[in-house]
N, C-alpha and C. Protein backbone atom coordinates (compact mmCIF):
# COMPACT_ATOMS: atom_id res chain seq x y z
N UNK A 1 35.22 30.55 -5.46
CA UNK A 1 35.61 30.41 -5.03
C UNK A 1 37.05 30.75 -4.32
N UNK A 2 36.90 29.26 -4.97
CA UNK A 2 38.60 29.06 -4.39
C UNK A 2 39.60 28.49 -6.00
N UNK A 3 38.58 28.99 -7.21
CA UNK A 3 39.33 28.97 -8.42
C UNK A 3 39.96 30.28 -8.84
N UNK A 4 40.09 30.01 -9.67
CA UNK A 4 40.35 31.55 -10.33
C UNK A 4 40.70 32.86 -10.33
N UNK A 5 40.85 33.95 -10.11
CA UNK A 5 40.53 35.76 -9.56
C UNK A 5 39.45 35.85 -10.88
N UNK A 6 38.30 36.22 -11.25
CA UNK A 6 37.49 37.07 -12.38
C UNK A 6 38.65 37.85 -12.93
N UNK A 7 39.40 38.44 -12.42
CA UNK A 7 39.74 39.83 -12.75
C UNK A 7 40.95 40.63 -13.17
N UNK A 8 41.62 40.74 -13.10
CA UNK A 8 43.44 41.74 -12.10
C UNK A 8 43.26 42.23 -11.34
N UNK A 9 41.90 42.97 -11.60
CA UNK A 9 41.46 44.20 -10.56
C UNK A 9 41.46 43.18 -9.37
N UNK A 10 40.77 42.42 -9.27
CA UNK A 10 40.35 42.04 -8.04
C UNK A 10 41.55 41.16 -7.36
N UNK A 11 42.56 40.61 -8.08
CA UNK A 11 43.70 40.13 -7.64
C UNK A 11 44.43 40.77 -7.07
N UNK A 12 44.52 42.01 -7.00
CA UNK A 12 45.21 43.26 -6.72
C UNK A 12 44.48 43.93 -5.28
N UNK A 13 42.81 43.15 -5.06
CA UNK A 13 42.63 43.90 -4.05
C UNK A 13 42.73 43.21 -2.70
N UNK A 14 42.73 44.13 -2.16
CA UNK A 14 43.88 44.24 -0.35
C UNK A 14 42.65 43.58 0.57
N UNK A 15 41.21 44.34 -0.12
CA UNK A 15 39.95 43.77 0.57
C UNK A 15 38.96 43.55 0.24
N UNK A 16 38.15 43.24 0.35
CA UNK A 16 36.69 42.91 -0.56
C UNK A 16 35.57 42.41 -0.02
N UNK A 17 34.47 42.98 -0.64
CA UNK A 17 33.20 42.87 0.03
C UNK A 17 32.39 42.11 -0.88
N UNK A 18 31.71 41.26 -0.77
CA UNK A 18 31.15 40.26 -2.16
C UNK A 18 29.54 40.66 -2.48
N UNK A 19 29.22 40.13 -3.34
CA UNK A 19 28.10 40.70 -3.83
C UNK A 19 26.45 40.26 -2.82
N UNK A 20 26.90 39.21 -2.15
CA UNK A 20 26.25 39.23 -0.94
C UNK A 20 25.41 39.61 0.27
N UNK A 21 26.84 40.47 0.18
CA UNK A 21 26.94 41.27 1.50
C UNK A 21 26.15 43.00 1.23
N UNK A 22 26.02 43.16 2.50
CA UNK A 22 24.91 44.73 2.39
C UNK A 22 25.31 45.29 3.81
N UNK A 23 26.09 46.25 3.54
CA UNK A 23 26.75 47.02 4.91
C UNK A 23 25.94 48.65 4.72
N UNK A 24 25.47 49.39 6.07
CA UNK A 24 25.21 50.21 6.62
C UNK A 24 26.39 51.47 6.85
N UNK A 25 26.92 52.06 6.52
CA UNK A 25 27.56 52.79 8.00
C UNK A 25 29.09 53.31 6.59
N UNK A 26 29.93 53.95 7.56
CA UNK A 26 31.00 54.29 7.07
C UNK A 26 32.08 53.12 7.02
N UNK A 27 33.17 53.57 5.04
CA UNK A 27 34.02 52.23 5.19
C UNK A 27 35.49 53.57 5.27
N UNK A 28 36.61 52.68 6.08
CA UNK A 28 37.65 53.67 6.20
C UNK A 28 38.03 52.26 5.42
N UNK A 29 38.99 52.55 4.51
CA UNK A 29 40.45 52.15 3.81
C UNK A 29 41.73 52.88 3.06
N UNK A 30 42.84 52.69 3.15
CA UNK A 30 43.94 53.08 2.84
C UNK A 30 44.71 52.01 2.12
N UNK A 31 43.91 51.32 1.13
CA UNK A 31 44.58 50.12 0.27
C UNK A 31 44.07 49.77 -0.77
N UNK A 32 43.67 48.90 -1.40
CA UNK A 32 43.25 48.66 -2.44
C UNK A 32 41.59 48.28 -1.79
N UNK A 33 40.66 48.17 -2.15
CA UNK A 33 39.51 48.13 -1.87
C UNK A 33 38.65 47.81 -2.93
N UNK A 34 37.29 46.46 -3.12
CA UNK A 34 37.11 46.21 -4.39
C UNK A 34 35.57 45.71 -3.41
N UNK A 35 34.51 46.41 -3.47
CA UNK A 35 33.09 46.17 -3.48
C UNK A 35 31.82 45.59 -4.75
N UNK A 36 31.78 44.37 -4.58
CA UNK A 36 30.75 44.15 -5.04
C UNK A 36 29.28 44.11 -5.00
N UNK A 37 29.09 44.26 -3.84
CA UNK A 37 28.12 43.99 -2.56
C UNK A 37 27.23 45.91 -2.49
N UNK A 38 26.00 45.62 -1.51
CA UNK A 38 25.96 47.43 -1.53
C UNK A 38 26.12 47.62 -0.23
N UNK A 39 26.13 49.07 -0.49
CA UNK A 39 27.01 50.07 0.91
C UNK A 39 25.82 50.81 0.80
N UNK A 40 25.23 51.39 2.14
CA UNK A 40 24.24 52.39 2.35
C UNK A 40 25.69 53.78 3.06
N UNK A 41 26.19 54.30 3.09
CA UNK A 41 27.38 55.16 3.44
C UNK A 41 28.16 55.81 3.10
N UNK A 42 29.47 55.84 3.28
CA UNK A 42 30.61 56.65 2.48
C UNK A 42 31.77 56.06 2.89
N UNK A 43 32.46 56.01 1.48
CA UNK A 43 33.93 55.67 1.67
C UNK A 43 35.32 56.44 1.63
N UNK A 44 36.04 56.30 2.73
CA UNK A 44 37.06 57.61 2.95
C UNK A 44 38.32 56.34 2.90
N UNK A 45 39.34 57.56 2.60
CA UNK A 45 40.50 56.69 2.45
C UNK A 45 41.34 57.25 1.30
N UNK A 46 42.91 56.71 1.44
CA UNK A 46 43.87 57.14 0.38
C UNK A 46 44.15 56.11 -0.50
N UNK A 47 43.67 55.28 -0.52
CA UNK A 47 43.94 54.33 -1.30
C UNK A 47 42.54 54.21 -2.57
N UNK A 48 42.54 52.83 -3.25
CA UNK A 48 41.63 52.43 -4.50
C UNK A 48 40.71 52.22 -4.80
N UNK A 49 39.86 52.92 -4.77
CA UNK A 49 38.29 51.91 -4.68
C UNK A 49 37.82 51.30 -6.31
N UNK A 50 37.26 50.02 -6.49
CA UNK A 50 37.14 49.16 -7.28
C UNK A 50 35.23 49.19 -6.77
N UNK A 51 34.62 49.75 -8.00
CA UNK A 51 33.26 49.33 -7.47
C UNK A 51 32.55 48.60 -8.51
N UNK A 52 32.33 46.78 -8.25
CA UNK A 52 32.23 46.06 -9.65
C UNK A 52 31.22 46.75 -9.90
N UNK A 53 30.51 45.28 -11.09
CA UNK A 53 29.15 45.45 -11.82
C UNK A 53 28.15 45.21 -10.95
N UNK A 54 28.40 44.39 -10.17
CA UNK A 54 27.10 44.32 -9.39
C UNK A 54 27.26 44.62 -8.02
N UNK A 55 27.82 46.16 -7.57
CA UNK A 55 27.71 46.92 -6.34
C UNK A 55 26.46 47.86 -6.77
N UNK A 56 26.29 48.48 -5.73
CA UNK A 56 25.36 49.91 -5.63
C UNK A 56 25.57 50.21 -4.16
N UNK A 57 26.43 51.70 -4.39
CA UNK A 57 26.46 52.47 -3.51
C UNK A 57 26.08 53.54 -2.95
N UNK A 58 25.57 54.13 -2.27
CA UNK A 58 24.75 55.35 -1.40
C UNK A 58 25.10 55.87 -0.88
N UNK A 59 26.07 56.70 -1.04
CA UNK A 59 27.04 57.75 -0.62
C UNK A 59 28.08 58.66 -0.98
N UNK A 60 28.38 58.96 -0.63
CA UNK A 60 29.47 59.94 -0.81
C UNK A 60 31.20 59.21 -0.87
N UNK A 61 31.92 59.24 -1.43
CA UNK A 61 33.22 58.39 -2.05
C UNK A 61 34.85 59.67 -1.66
N UNK A 62 35.55 59.31 -1.09
CA UNK A 62 36.73 60.26 -0.78
C UNK A 62 38.07 59.24 -0.86
N UNK A 63 38.60 59.02 -2.00
CA UNK A 63 39.38 58.58 -1.95
C UNK A 63 40.29 58.70 -2.99
N UNK A 64 41.81 58.23 -3.42
CA UNK A 64 43.08 58.81 -4.04
C UNK A 64 42.15 58.15 -5.75
N UNK A 65 41.70 57.26 -5.56
CA UNK A 65 41.32 56.85 -7.01
C UNK A 65 40.00 55.76 -7.03
N UNK A 66 39.30 55.90 -8.01
CA UNK A 66 37.74 54.94 -8.21
C UNK A 66 37.78 54.44 -9.69
N UNK A 67 37.52 53.35 -10.09
CA UNK A 67 37.23 52.88 -10.85
C UNK A 67 36.03 52.27 -10.27
N UNK A 68 35.17 52.92 -11.52
CA UNK A 68 33.53 52.65 -11.50
C UNK A 68 33.00 51.20 -12.42
N UNK A 69 32.21 49.98 -12.14
CA UNK A 69 32.19 49.57 -13.04
C UNK A 69 30.44 49.36 -12.55
N UNK A 70 30.32 49.86 -11.18
CA UNK A 70 28.65 49.67 -11.02
C UNK A 70 27.78 50.91 -10.92
N UNK A 71 27.33 50.98 -9.86
CA UNK A 71 26.22 52.49 -9.65
C UNK A 71 26.93 53.22 -8.27
N UNK A 72 26.86 54.32 -8.01
CA UNK A 72 27.20 54.97 -7.39
C UNK A 72 26.30 55.95 -7.40
N UNK A 73 25.51 56.12 -6.10
CA UNK A 73 24.54 57.12 -6.05
C UNK A 73 25.00 58.01 -5.01
N UNK A 74 26.17 59.07 -5.10
CA UNK A 74 26.67 59.65 -4.51
C UNK A 74 28.12 60.76 -5.05
N UNK A 75 28.35 61.70 -4.45
CA UNK A 75 29.76 62.57 -5.01
C UNK A 75 30.95 61.86 -5.03
N UNK A 76 31.85 62.24 -6.02
CA UNK A 76 32.65 61.65 -5.93
C UNK A 76 34.09 63.05 -5.62
N UNK A 77 34.93 62.36 -4.15
CA UNK A 77 36.16 63.53 -3.91
C UNK A 77 37.27 62.76 -4.48
N UNK A 78 38.24 62.78 -5.29
CA UNK A 78 39.40 62.24 -6.18
C UNK A 78 40.47 62.55 -5.95
N UNK A 79 41.83 62.38 -5.90
CA UNK A 79 42.60 62.94 -5.69
C UNK A 79 43.95 62.53 -7.09
N UNK A 80 43.13 61.55 -7.40
CA UNK A 80 44.22 61.03 -8.60
C UNK A 80 43.46 60.86 -9.76
N UNK A 81 42.59 59.40 -9.90
CA UNK A 81 41.87 59.33 -11.19
C UNK A 81 40.40 58.85 -10.59
N UNK A 82 39.83 59.01 -11.43
CA UNK A 82 38.52 58.61 -11.68
C UNK A 82 38.23 58.01 -12.87
N UNK A 83 37.91 57.00 -13.18
CA UNK A 83 37.36 55.73 -14.23
C UNK A 83 36.11 55.38 -14.22
N UNK A 84 34.70 55.78 -15.39
CA UNK A 84 33.62 55.16 -15.28
C UNK A 84 33.71 54.25 -16.47
N UNK A 85 33.43 52.86 -16.04
CA UNK A 85 34.15 51.90 -17.03
C UNK A 85 32.70 51.66 -17.91
N UNK A 86 32.75 51.43 -19.08
CA UNK A 86 31.25 50.95 -19.84
C UNK A 86 30.29 49.83 -19.07
N UNK A 87 29.08 50.53 -18.73
CA UNK A 87 27.81 49.91 -18.24
C UNK A 87 27.83 50.72 -16.73
N UNK A 88 28.21 51.17 -16.20
CA UNK A 88 28.38 51.71 -15.03
C UNK A 88 27.82 53.13 -14.62
N UNK A 89 27.20 53.51 -13.29
CA UNK A 89 26.32 55.08 -13.15
C UNK A 89 26.30 55.34 -12.71
N UNK A 90 26.67 56.95 -12.60
CA UNK A 90 27.06 57.62 -11.69
C UNK A 90 26.16 58.63 -11.17
N UNK A 91 25.47 58.89 -10.36
CA UNK A 91 24.23 59.68 -10.25
C UNK A 91 24.64 60.25 -8.80
N UNK A 92 25.84 61.73 -9.82
CA UNK A 92 26.26 62.87 -7.93
C UNK A 92 27.44 63.47 -9.30
N UNK A 93 27.93 64.29 -8.07
CA UNK A 93 29.34 65.40 -8.56
C UNK A 93 30.65 64.69 -8.61
N UNK A 94 31.37 64.70 -9.58
CA UNK A 94 32.69 64.56 -9.87
C UNK A 94 33.52 65.65 -8.92
N UNK A 95 34.61 65.74 -8.05
CA UNK A 95 35.31 66.27 -7.89
C UNK A 95 37.11 66.40 -7.51
N UNK A 96 37.88 67.12 -8.53
CA UNK A 96 39.33 66.22 -9.04
C UNK A 96 40.23 66.60 -8.70
N UNK A 97 40.84 66.68 -7.56
CA UNK A 97 42.57 67.40 -7.32
C UNK A 97 43.48 67.20 -9.43
N UNK A 98 42.92 66.97 -9.85
CA UNK A 98 43.48 66.73 -11.17
C UNK A 98 42.91 66.10 -12.51
N UNK A 99 43.38 65.87 -13.09
CA UNK A 99 42.65 66.49 -14.55
C UNK A 99 42.21 64.83 -14.95
N UNK A 100 42.60 63.78 -14.54
CA UNK A 100 42.73 62.50 -14.89
C UNK A 100 40.64 61.73 -14.65
N UNK A 101 40.22 62.25 -15.36
CA UNK A 101 38.55 61.50 -15.76
C UNK A 101 38.29 61.39 -16.55
N UNK A 102 37.99 59.80 -16.39
CA UNK A 102 37.85 58.76 -18.01
C UNK A 102 36.44 58.29 -18.05
N UNK A 103 35.82 58.64 -19.01
CA UNK A 103 34.46 57.73 -19.04
C UNK A 103 34.28 57.33 -20.57
N UNK A 104 34.33 56.00 -20.53
CA UNK A 104 34.15 55.11 -21.49
C UNK A 104 32.55 55.22 -21.89
N UNK A 105 32.53 54.40 -23.12
CA UNK A 105 31.08 54.38 -23.69
C UNK A 105 29.90 54.15 -22.76
N UNK A 106 28.69 54.06 -23.24
CA UNK A 106 27.68 53.58 -22.37
C UNK A 106 27.61 53.53 -20.65
N UNK A 107 27.98 54.90 -20.69
CA UNK A 107 28.09 55.30 -18.78
C UNK A 107 27.05 56.37 -18.61
N UNK A 108 26.55 55.93 -17.88
CA UNK A 108 25.45 56.74 -17.24
C UNK A 108 26.36 57.46 -16.33
N UNK A 109 25.97 59.15 -16.37
CA UNK A 109 27.00 60.07 -15.83
C UNK A 109 25.76 61.48 -15.26
N UNK A 110 25.08 61.27 -14.41
CA UNK A 110 24.42 62.55 -14.25
C UNK A 110 24.85 63.30 -13.03
N UNK A 111 25.08 64.52 -13.21
CA UNK A 111 26.45 65.23 -12.07
C UNK A 111 26.73 66.46 -12.59
N UNK A 112 27.55 66.88 -12.21
CA UNK A 112 28.47 67.82 -12.53
C UNK A 112 29.78 67.73 -12.19
N UNK A 113 31.40 67.68 -12.90
CA UNK A 113 32.42 67.55 -12.98
C UNK A 113 33.21 68.70 -12.83
N UNK A 114 34.05 68.93 -11.34
CA UNK A 114 34.80 70.19 -11.10
C UNK A 114 36.62 69.76 -11.05
N UNK A 115 37.13 70.25 -11.14
CA UNK A 115 38.53 70.08 -11.38
C UNK A 115 39.00 71.41 -10.61
N UNK A 116 39.55 71.12 -9.45
CA UNK A 116 40.56 72.17 -8.34
C UNK A 116 41.69 72.55 -9.47
N UNK A 117 41.55 74.29 -10.33
CA UNK A 117 42.24 74.72 -10.86
C UNK A 117 43.99 75.10 -10.14
N UNK A 118 43.82 75.35 -8.84
CA UNK A 118 44.74 75.69 -8.35
C UNK A 118 45.61 74.28 -8.44
N UNK A 119 45.31 73.26 -8.60
CA UNK A 119 46.04 72.23 -8.32
C UNK A 119 46.84 71.86 -9.26
N UNK A 120 46.15 71.51 -10.49
CA UNK A 120 46.56 71.83 -12.19
C UNK A 120 47.47 72.61 -12.42
N UNK A 121 47.57 73.75 -12.00
CA UNK A 121 48.22 74.74 -12.02
C UNK A 121 49.61 74.51 -11.55
N UNK A 122 49.82 73.88 -10.15
CA UNK A 122 50.91 73.84 -9.38
C UNK A 122 51.88 72.32 -10.51
N UNK A 123 50.68 71.66 -10.85
CA UNK A 123 51.24 70.31 -11.52
C UNK A 123 51.48 70.67 -13.24
N UNK A 124 51.45 71.68 -13.34
CA UNK A 124 52.24 72.01 -14.70
C UNK A 124 53.51 73.40 -14.74
């Protein structure tokens, strides 16, 4: 707990939910939030969500960007980027305002991916 952080991503985290916590309800965050515990509810805000390897989220996520290393059961709504890193699971749909959707090898993704074409046309 007082040693070196385990990863660069955790270094930048402004808020942290540890693997020993289980939360029920909606979380609002406009900064960088890392979840390593269990959440039964939604995450909303304008920041970046990091879902750690031990995390399990059951609910929808509406954030600027999401990096997933754990398990998400719900839909993602993002305006910047979604990353599904090796070993992660996403059981739900992806709704993007940009075309920045990255999936690494050994990821479980069961759902649909939808990009807002009007937003993409404005970006080009």
